[in-house]
Amino acid sequence: MSTLLTQLPALLGVLVGTLGTILATSLADRARWRRSQSVRWDERRLDAYVDYAHALKESHSVALRITADHRPGSRSHPIDREEGLARLAEADARRTIVWENLLLLGDEPTVVAAANWRDAIWQVERLARGIADGAPDVSEMLSRVNEARDGYYRAARRSLGVRGGSVEQSAALRQALVGGDDCHASRASAVPEDSGRRDAPTGDRSGGGL
């Protein structure tokens, strides 16, 4: 009995050490799993954000091409109206699909910003479809698209923890719209739509985009 009592502290020490090792290992494994899951879902979230941006850009680019002949100074390549409307319908169908991924994976501010950007582009689509109300101010319409795009990327970057400062483009584009000369009308239609072709999945040369 005395021998057992003498060895008891050592046995307790071994038991506590073993339990501590098991607990530490368990906590480390759980933290590692959570980090792995976080990285995995961040990657999926990034894909959802990019896919939706590309889908909106496609709709916007087609709408601009349909209306190119009606906007002096446009840099968009005109497209046959019937072909354009068919491509617009296809782009809208793709946008509807990727919207579901955004709803599943995006945070609330990014989803709200995405809806605002979609609504701004929808006004350009209405012009392309010939259902716009009255005589819209195209320059203002395209400026709203650029501002909504900035809002989307701002929210998406914050959601993903992307650092590096602001990459907003709308202020510079609006300045280009209002600060012209006798070529003002041409520049007003050209600059935003050039920005509308940015970040294109097809490799457009500009840098901001839909």
C-alpha atoms as a PDB file:
ATOM      1  CA  MET A   1       0.000   0.000   0.000  1.00  0.00           C
ATOM      2  CA  SER A   2       2.794   2.355   0.919  1.00  0.00           C
ATOM      3  CA  THR A   3       4.474   1.568  -2.410  1.00  0.00           C
ATOM      4  CA  LEU A   4       1.281   2.489  -4.287  1.00  0.00           C
ATOM      5  CA  LEU A   5       0.981   5.735  -2.370  1.00  0.00           C
ATOM      6  CA  THR A   6       4.601   6.512  -3.134  1.00  0.00           C
ATOM      7  CA  GLN A   7       4.085   5.947  -6.859  1.00  0.00           C
ATOM      8  CA  LEU A   8       0.691   7.702  -7.031  1.00  0.00           C
ATOM      9  CA  PRO A   9       2.042  11.210  -7.719  1.00  0.00           C
ATOM     10  CA  ALA A  10       4.137   9.877 -10.570  1.00  0.00           C
ATOM     11  CA  LEU A  11       1.172   7.966 -11.996  1.00  0.00           C
ATOM     12  CA  LEU A  12      -1.037  11.042 -11.722  1.00  0.00           C
ATOM     13  CA  GLY A  13       1.651  13.075 -13.453  1.00  0.00           C
ATOM     14  CA  VAL A  14       1.785  10.591 -16.317  1.00  0.00           C
ATOM     15  CA  LEU A  15      -2.028  10.565 -16.568  1.00  0.00           C
ATOM     16  CA  VAL A  16      -2.271  14.373 -16.570  1.00  0.00           C
ATOM     17  CA  GLY A  17       0.517  14.616 -19.134  1.00  0.00           C
ATOM     18  CA  THR A  18      -1.199  12.075 -21.397  1.00  0.00           C
ATOM     19  CA  LEU A  19      -4.544  13.838 -21.135  1.00  0.00           C
ATOM     20  CA  GLY A  20      -2.870  17.175 -21.800  1.00  0.00           C
ATOM     21  CA  THR A  21      -1.168  15.798 -24.907  1.00  0.00           C
ATOM     22  CA  ILE A  22      -4.443  14.353 -26.182  1.00  0.00           C
ATOM     23  CA  LEU A  23      -6.265  17.634 -25.563  1.00  0.00           C
ATOM     24  CA  ALA A  24      -3.546  19.733 -27.221  1.00  0.00           C
ATOM     25  CA  THR A  25      -3.474  17.430 -30.245  1.00  0.00           C
ATOM     26  CA  SER A  26      -7.255  17.524 -30.527  1.00  0.00           C
ATOM     27  CA  LEU A  27      -7.346  21.312 -30.364  1.00  0.00           C
ATOM     28  CA  ALA A  28      -4.550  21.603 -32.926  1.00  0.00           C
ATOM     29  CA  ASP A  29      -6.325  19.206 -35.289  1.00  0.00           C
ATOM     30  CA  ARG A  30      -9.585  21.109 -34.899  1.00  0.00           C
ATOM     31  CA  ALA A  31      -7.874  24.446 -35.581  1.00  0.00           C
ATOM     32  CA  ARG A  32      -6.139  22.943 -38.621  1.00  0.00           C
ATOM     33  CA  TRP A  33      -9.467  21.626 -39.932  1.00  0.00           C
ATOM     34  CA  ARG A  34     -11.145  24.989 -39.439  1.00  0.00           C
ATOM     35  CA  ARG A  35      -8.335  26.753 -41.301  1.00  0.00           C
ATOM     36  CA  SER A  36      -8.620  24.232 -44.115  1.00  0.00           C
ATOM     37  CA  GLN A  37     -12.380  24.724 -44.314  1.00  0.00           C
ATOM     38  CA  SER A  38     -11.986  28.497 -44.247  1.00  0.00           C
ATOM     39  CA  VAL A  39      -9.524  28.422 -47.137  1.00  0.00           C
ATOM     40  CA  ARG A  40     -11.775  26.043 -49.051  1.00  0.00           C
ATOM     41  CA  TRP A  41     -14.860  28.215 -48.687  1.00  0.00           C
ATOM     42  CA  ASP A  42     -12.908  31.395 -49.434  1.00  0.00           C
ATOM     43  CA  GLU A  43     -11.845  29.815 -52.708  1.00  0.00           C
ATOM     44  CA  ARG A  44     -15.414  28.840 -53.531  1.00  0.00           C
ATOM     45  CA  ARG A  45     -16.618  32.296 -52.566  1.00  0.00           C
ATOM     46  CA  LEU A  46     -14.007  33.910 -54.812  1.00  0.00           C
ATOM     47  CA  ASP A  47     -15.172  31.739 -57.716  1.00  0.00           C
ATOM     48  CA  ALA A  48     -18.778  32.762 -57.085  1.00  0.00           C
ATOM     49  CA  TYR A  49     -17.868  36.450 -57.013  1.00  0.00           C
ATOM     50  CA  VAL A  50     -15.799  36.260 -60.200  1.00  0.00           C
ATOM     51  CA  ASP A  51     -18.360  34.144 -62.070  1.00  0.00           C
ATOM     52  CA  TYR A  52     -21.135  36.602 -61.283  1.00  0.00           C
ATOM     53  CA  ALA A  53     -19.003  39.579 -62.309  1.00  0.00           C
ATOM     54  CA  HIS A  54     -18.210  37.906 -65.632  1.00  0.00           C
ATOM     55  CA  ALA A  55     -21.871  37.077 -66.217  1.00  0.00           C
ATOM     56  CA  LEU A  56     -22.913  40.678 -65.622  1.00  0.00           C
ATOM     57  CA  LYS A  57     -20.122  41.906 -67.861  1.00  0.00           C
ATOM     58  CA  GLU A  58     -21.295  39.664 -70.663  1.00  0.00           C
ATOM     59  CA  SER A  59     -24.835  41.041 -70.463  1.00  0.00           C
ATOM     60  CA  HIS A  60     -23.558  44.623 -70.326  1.00  0.00           C
ATOM     61  CA  SER A  61     -21.141  44.169 -73.229  1.00  0.00           C
ATOM     62  CA  VAL A  62     -23.822  42.679 -75.472  1.00  0.00           C
ATOM     63  CA  ALA A  63     -26.255  45.469 -74.554  1.00  0.00           C
ATOM     64  CA  LEU A  64     -23.629  48.072 -75.447  1.00  0.00           C
ATOM     65  CA  ARG A  65     -22.969  46.400 -78.786  1.00  0.00           C
ATOM     66  CA  ILE A  66     -26.694  46.389 -79.617  1.00  0.00           C
ATOM     67  CA  THR A  67     -26.938  50.126 -78.950  1.00  0.00           C
ATOM     68  CA  ALA A  68     -23.569  51.086 -80.491  1.00  0.00           C
ATOM     69  CA  ASP A  69     -25.063  52.576 -83.673  1.00  0.00           C
ATOM     70  CA  HIS A  70     -27.286  54.859 -81.606  1.00  0.00           C
ATOM     71  CA  ARG A  71     -24.481  56.350 -79.513  1.00  0.00           C
ATOM     72  CA  PRO A  72     -22.125  58.747 -81.322  1.00  0.00           C
ATOM     73  CA  GLY A  73     -18.475  57.966 -80.672  1.00  0.00           C
ATOM     74  CA  SER A  74     -19.174  54.470 -79.370  1.00  0.00           C
ATOM     75  CA  ARG A  75     -16.205  52.122 -79.261  1.00  0.00           C
ATOM     76  CA  SER A  76     -18.344  49.025 -79.019  1.00  0.00           C
ATOM     77  CA  HIS A  77     -18.424  46.755 -82.048  1.00  0.00           C
ATOM     78  CA  PRO A  78     -21.995  46.881 -83.395  1.00  0.00           C
ATOM     79  CA  ILE A  79     -23.906  43.632 -83.574  1.00  0.00           C
ATOM     80  CA  ASP A  80     -27.002  42.642 -85.510  1.00  0.00           C
ATOM     81  CA  ARG A  81     -30.009  43.342 -83.315  1.00  0.00           C
ATOM     82  CA  GLU A  82     -31.572  39.893 -83.606  1.00  0.00           C
ATOM     83  CA  GLU A  83     -28.275  38.166 -82.913  1.00  0.00           C
ATOM     84  CA  GLY A  84     -27.609  40.570 -80.064  1.00  0.00           C
ATOM     85  CA  LEU A  85     -30.966  39.945 -78.416  1.00  0.00           C
ATOM     86  CA  ALA A  86     -30.423  36.193 -78.662  1.00  0.00           C
ATOM     87  CA  ARG A  87     -26.991  36.505 -77.055  1.00  0.00           C
ATOM     88  CA  LEU A  88     -28.441  38.784 -74.407  1.00  0.00           C
ATOM     89  CA  ALA A  89     -31.021  36.155 -73.519  1.00  0.00           C
ATOM     90  CA  GLU A  90     -28.268  33.523 -73.235  1.00  0.00           C
ATOM     91  CA  ALA A  91     -26.167  35.821 -71.046  1.00  0.00           C
ATOM     92  CA  ASP A  92     -29.137  36.494 -68.778  1.00  0.00           C
ATOM     93  CA  ALA A  93     -29.720  32.757 -68.409  1.00  0.00           C
ATOM     94  CA  ARG A  94     -26.103  32.226 -67.356  1.00  0.00           C
ATOM     95  CA  ARG A  95     -26.322  35.141 -64.945  1.00  0.00           C
ATOM     96  CA  THR A  96     -29.400  33.610 -63.321  1.00  0.00           C
ATOM     97  CA  ILE A  97     -27.511  30.358 -62.708  1.00  0.00           C
ATOM     98  CA  VAL A  98     -24.419  31.916 -61.148  1.00  0.00           C
ATOM     99  CA  TRP A  99     -26.626  34.186 -59.046  1.00  0.00           C
ATOM    100  CA  GLU A 100     -27.630  31.096 -57.049  1.00  0.00           C
ATOM    101  CA  ASN A 101     -23.978  30.403 -56.198  1.00  0.00           C
ATOM    102  CA  LEU A 102     -23.581  33.990 -55.071  1.00  0.00           C
ATOM    103  CA  LEU A 103     -26.626  33.716 -52.813  1.00  0.00           C
ATOM    104  CA  LEU A 104     -25.239  30.527 -51.294  1.00  0.00           C
ATOM    105  CA  LEU A 105     -21.673  31.680 -50.671  1.00  0.00           C
ATOM    106  CA  GLY A 106     -21.661  35.488 -50.621  1.00  0.00           C
ATOM    107  CA  ASP A 107     -22.048  37.657 -47.551  1.00  0.00           C
ATOM    108  CA  GLU A 108     -24.927  40.095 -47.271  1.00  0.00           C
ATOM    109  CA  PRO A 109     -23.095  43.313 -48.316  1.00  0.00           C
ATOM    110  CA  THR A 110     -21.714  41.645 -51.445  1.00  0.00           C
ATOM    111  CA  VAL A 111     -25.069  40.173 -52.447  1.00  0.00           C
ATOM    112  CA  VAL A 112     -26.720  43.579 -52.003  1.00  0.00           C
ATOM    113  CA  ALA A 113     -23.978  45.256 -54.051  1.00  0.00           C
ATOM    114  CA  ALA A 114     -24.343  42.592 -56.745  1.00  0.00           C
ATOM    115  CA  ALA A 115     -28.080  43.272 -56.967  1.00  0.00           C
ATOM    116  CA  ASN A 116     -27.415  47.015 -57.306  1.00  0.00           C
ATOM    117  CA  TRP A 117     -24.938  46.400 -60.114  1.00  0.00           C
ATOM    118  CA  ARG A 118     -27.379  44.043 -61.831  1.00  0.00           C
ATOM    119  CA  ASP A 119     -30.146  46.671 -61.639  1.00  0.00           C
ATOM    120  CA  ALA A 120     -27.867  49.351 -63.110  1.00  0.00           C
ATOM    121  CA  ILE A 121     -26.965  47.089 -66.031  1.00  0.00           C
ATOM    122  CA  TRP A 122     -30.617  46.191 -66.484  1.00  0.00           C
ATOM    123  CA  GLN A 123     -31.285  49.815 -67.415  1.00  0.00           C
ATOM    124  CA  VAL A 124     -28.775  49.492 -70.255  1.00  0.00           C
ATOM    125  CA  GLU A 125     -30.426  46.229 -71.270  1.00  0.00           C
ATOM    126  CA  ARG A 126     -33.799  47.980 -71.389  1.00  0.00           C
ATOM    127  CA  LEU A 127     -32.295  50.509 -73.783  1.00  0.00           C
ATOM    128  CA  ALA A 128     -30.928  47.678 -75.924  1.00  0.00           C
ATOM    129  CA  ARG A 129     -34.308  45.944 -75.957  1.00  0.00           C
ATOM    130  CA  GLY A 130     -36.076  49.170 -76.924  1.00  0.00           C
ATOM    131  CA  ILE A 131     -38.169  49.341 -73.756  1.00  0.00           C
ATOM    132  CA  ALA A 132     -36.457  52.258 -72.001  1.00  0.00           C
ATOM    133  CA  ASP A 133     -38.788  54.933 -70.609  1.00  0.00           C
ATOM    134  CA  GLY A 134     -38.484  58.264 -72.403  1.00  0.00           C
ATOM    135  CA  ALA A 135     -35.102  59.497 -73.627  1.00  0.00           C
ATOM    136  CA  PRO A 136     -32.563  58.241 -71.063  1.00  0.00           C
ATOM    137  CA  ASP A 137     -29.333  60.046 -70.258  1.00  0.00           C
ATOM    138  CA  VAL A 138     -26.934  57.390 -71.503  1.00  0.00           C
ATOM    139  CA  SER A 139     -23.858  58.993 -69.935  1.00  0.00           C
ATOM    140  CA  GLU A 140     -25.512  59.060 -66.516  1.00  0.00           C
ATOM    141  CA  MET A 141     -26.789  55.532 -67.019  1.00  0.00           C
ATOM    142  CA  LEU A 142     -23.293  54.221 -67.752  1.00  0.00           C
ATOM    143  CA  SER A 143     -21.856  56.184 -64.838  1.00  0.00           C
ATOM    144  CA  ARG A 144     -24.313  54.451 -62.513  1.00  0.00           C
ATOM    145  CA  VAL A 145     -23.102  51.112 -63.860  1.00  0.00           C
ATOM    146  CA  ASN A 146     -19.501  52.073 -63.072  1.00  0.00           C
ATOM    147  CA  GLU A 147     -20.404  53.234 -59.566  1.00  0.00           C
ATOM    148  CA  ALA A 148     -22.359  50.043 -58.892  1.00  0.00           C
ATOM    149  CA  ARG A 149     -19.433  47.988 -60.160  1.00  0.00           C
ATOM    150  CA  ASP A 150     -17.119  49.780 -57.723  1.00  0.00           C
ATOM    151  CA  GLY A 151     -19.563  49.027 -54.922  1.00  0.00           C
ATOM    152  CA  TYR A 152     -19.580  45.337 -55.823  1.00  0.00           C
ATOM    153  CA  TYR A 153     -15.804  45.001 -55.924  1.00  0.00           C
ATOM    154  CA  ARG A 154     -15.452  46.997 -52.727  1.00  0.00           C
ATOM    155  CA  ALA A 155     -17.827  44.642 -50.912  1.00  0.00           C
ATOM    156  CA  ALA A 156     -16.298  41.514 -52.477  1.00  0.00           C
ATOM    157  CA  ARG A 157     -12.742  42.533 -51.586  1.00  0.00           C
ATOM    158  CA  ARG A 158     -13.800  43.228 -48.005  1.00  0.00           C
ATOM    159  CA  SER A 159     -15.565  39.865 -47.833  1.00  0.00           C
ATOM    160  CA  LEU A 160     -12.421  38.070 -49.031  1.00  0.00           C
ATOM    161  CA  GLY A 161     -10.051  40.099 -46.873  1.00  0.00           C
ATOM    162  CA  VAL A 162      -8.229  41.545 -49.899  1.00  0.00           C
ATOM    163  CA  ARG A 163      -5.952  44.414 -48.947  1.00  0.00           C
ATOM    164  CA  GLY A 164      -4.109  47.031 -50.956  1.00  0.00           C
ATOM    165  CA  GLY A 165      -6.280  50.134 -50.892  1.00  0.00           C
ATOM    166  CA  SER A 166      -9.006  51.322 -53.233  1.00  0.00           C
ATOM    167  CA  VAL A 167      -9.228  50.210 -56.859  1.00  0.00           C
ATOM    168  CA  GLU A 168     -12.368  52.209 -57.657  1.00  0.00           C
ATOM    169  CA  GLN A 169     -12.689  53.548 -61.200  1.00  0.00           C
ATOM    170  CA  SER A 170     -15.987  55.415 -61.335  1.00  0.00           C
ATOM    171  CA  ALA A 171     -14.662  58.820 -60.230  1.00  0.00           C
ATOM    172  CA  ALA A 172     -11.984  58.895 -62.927  1.00  0.00           C
ATOM    173  CA  LEU A 173     -14.456  57.689 -65.533  1.00  0.00           C
ATOM    174  CA  ARG A 174     -17.018  60.307 -64.555  1.00  0.00           C
ATOM    175  CA  GLN A 175     -14.334  63.006 -64.727  1.00  0.00           C
ATOM    176  CA  ALA A 176     -13.529  61.831 -68.233  1.00  0.00           C
ATOM    177  CA  LEU A 177     -17.220  62.141 -69.064  1.00  0.00           C
ATOM    178  CA  VAL A 178     -17.660  65.710 -67.832  1.00  0.00           C
ATOM    179  CA  GLY A 179     -14.265  67.188 -68.608  1.00  0.00           C
ATOM    180  CA  GLY A 180     -14.319  67.288 -72.381  1.00  0.00           C
ATOM    181  CA  ASP A 181     -14.203  69.730 -75.271  1.00  0.00           C
ATOM    182  CA  ASP A 182     -16.024  69.643 -78.604  1.00  0.00           C
ATOM    183  CA  CYS A 183     -15.484  65.860 -78.493  1.00  0.00           C
ATOM    184  CA  HIS A 184     -17.394  65.658 -75.227  1.00  0.00           C
ATOM    185  CA  ALA A 185     -20.324  63.732 -76.670  1.00  0.00           C
ATOM    186  CA  SER A 186     -18.034  61.170 -78.228  1.00  0.00           C
ATOM    187  CA  ARG A 187     -16.004  60.717 -75.068  1.00  0.00           C
ATOM    188  CA  ALA A 188     -19.114  60.556 -72.904  1.00  0.00           C
ATOM    189  CA  SER A 189     -20.306  57.449 -74.648  1.00  0.00           C
ATOM    190  CA  ALA A 190     -16.893  55.915 -75.229  1.00  0.00           C
ATOM    191  CA  VAL A 191     -15.158  56.020 -71.876  1.00  0.00           C
ATOM    192  CA  PRO A 192     -17.720  54.232 -69.665  1.00  0.00           C
ATOM    193  CA  GLU A 193     -18.345  51.562 -72.224  1.00  0.00           C
ATOM    194  CA  ASP A 194     -14.608  50.989 -72.528  1.00  0.00           C
ATOM    195  CA  SER A 195     -14.633  50.584 -68.764  1.00  0.00           C
ATOM    196  CA  GLY A 196     -17.584  48.279 -69.242  1.00  0.00           C
ATOM    197  CA  ARG A 197     -15.343  45.908 -71.144  1.00  0.00           C
ATOM    198  CA  ARG A 198     -12.745  45.667 -68.383  1.00  0.00           C
ATOM    199  CA  ASP A 199     -11.804  42.511 -66.507  1.00  0.00           C
ATOM    200  CA  ALA A 200     -13.356  40.565 -69.338  1.00  0.00           C
ATOM    201  CA  PRO A 201     -12.951  36.800 -69.399  1.00  0.00           C
ATOM    202  CA  THR A 202     -12.095  37.187 -73.084  1.00  0.00           C
ATOM    203  CA  GLY A 203      -9.010  39.257 -72.282  1.00  0.00           C
ATOM    204  CA  ASP A 204     -10.052  42.849 -72.956  1.00  0.00           C
ATOM    205  CA  ARG A 205      -7.225  45.304 -72.687  1.00  0.00           C
ATOM    206  CA  SER A 206      -8.690  47.643 -70.079  1.00  0.00           C
ATOM    207  CA  GLY A 207      -8.384  47.269 -66.330  1.00  0.00           C
ATOM    208  CA  GLY A 208     -11.563  47.938 -64.334  1.00  0.00           C
ATOM    209  CA  GLY A 209     -14.533  46.207 -65.842  1.00  0.00           C
ATOM    210  CA  LEU A 210     -17.707  44.336 -65.229  1.00  0.00           C
END
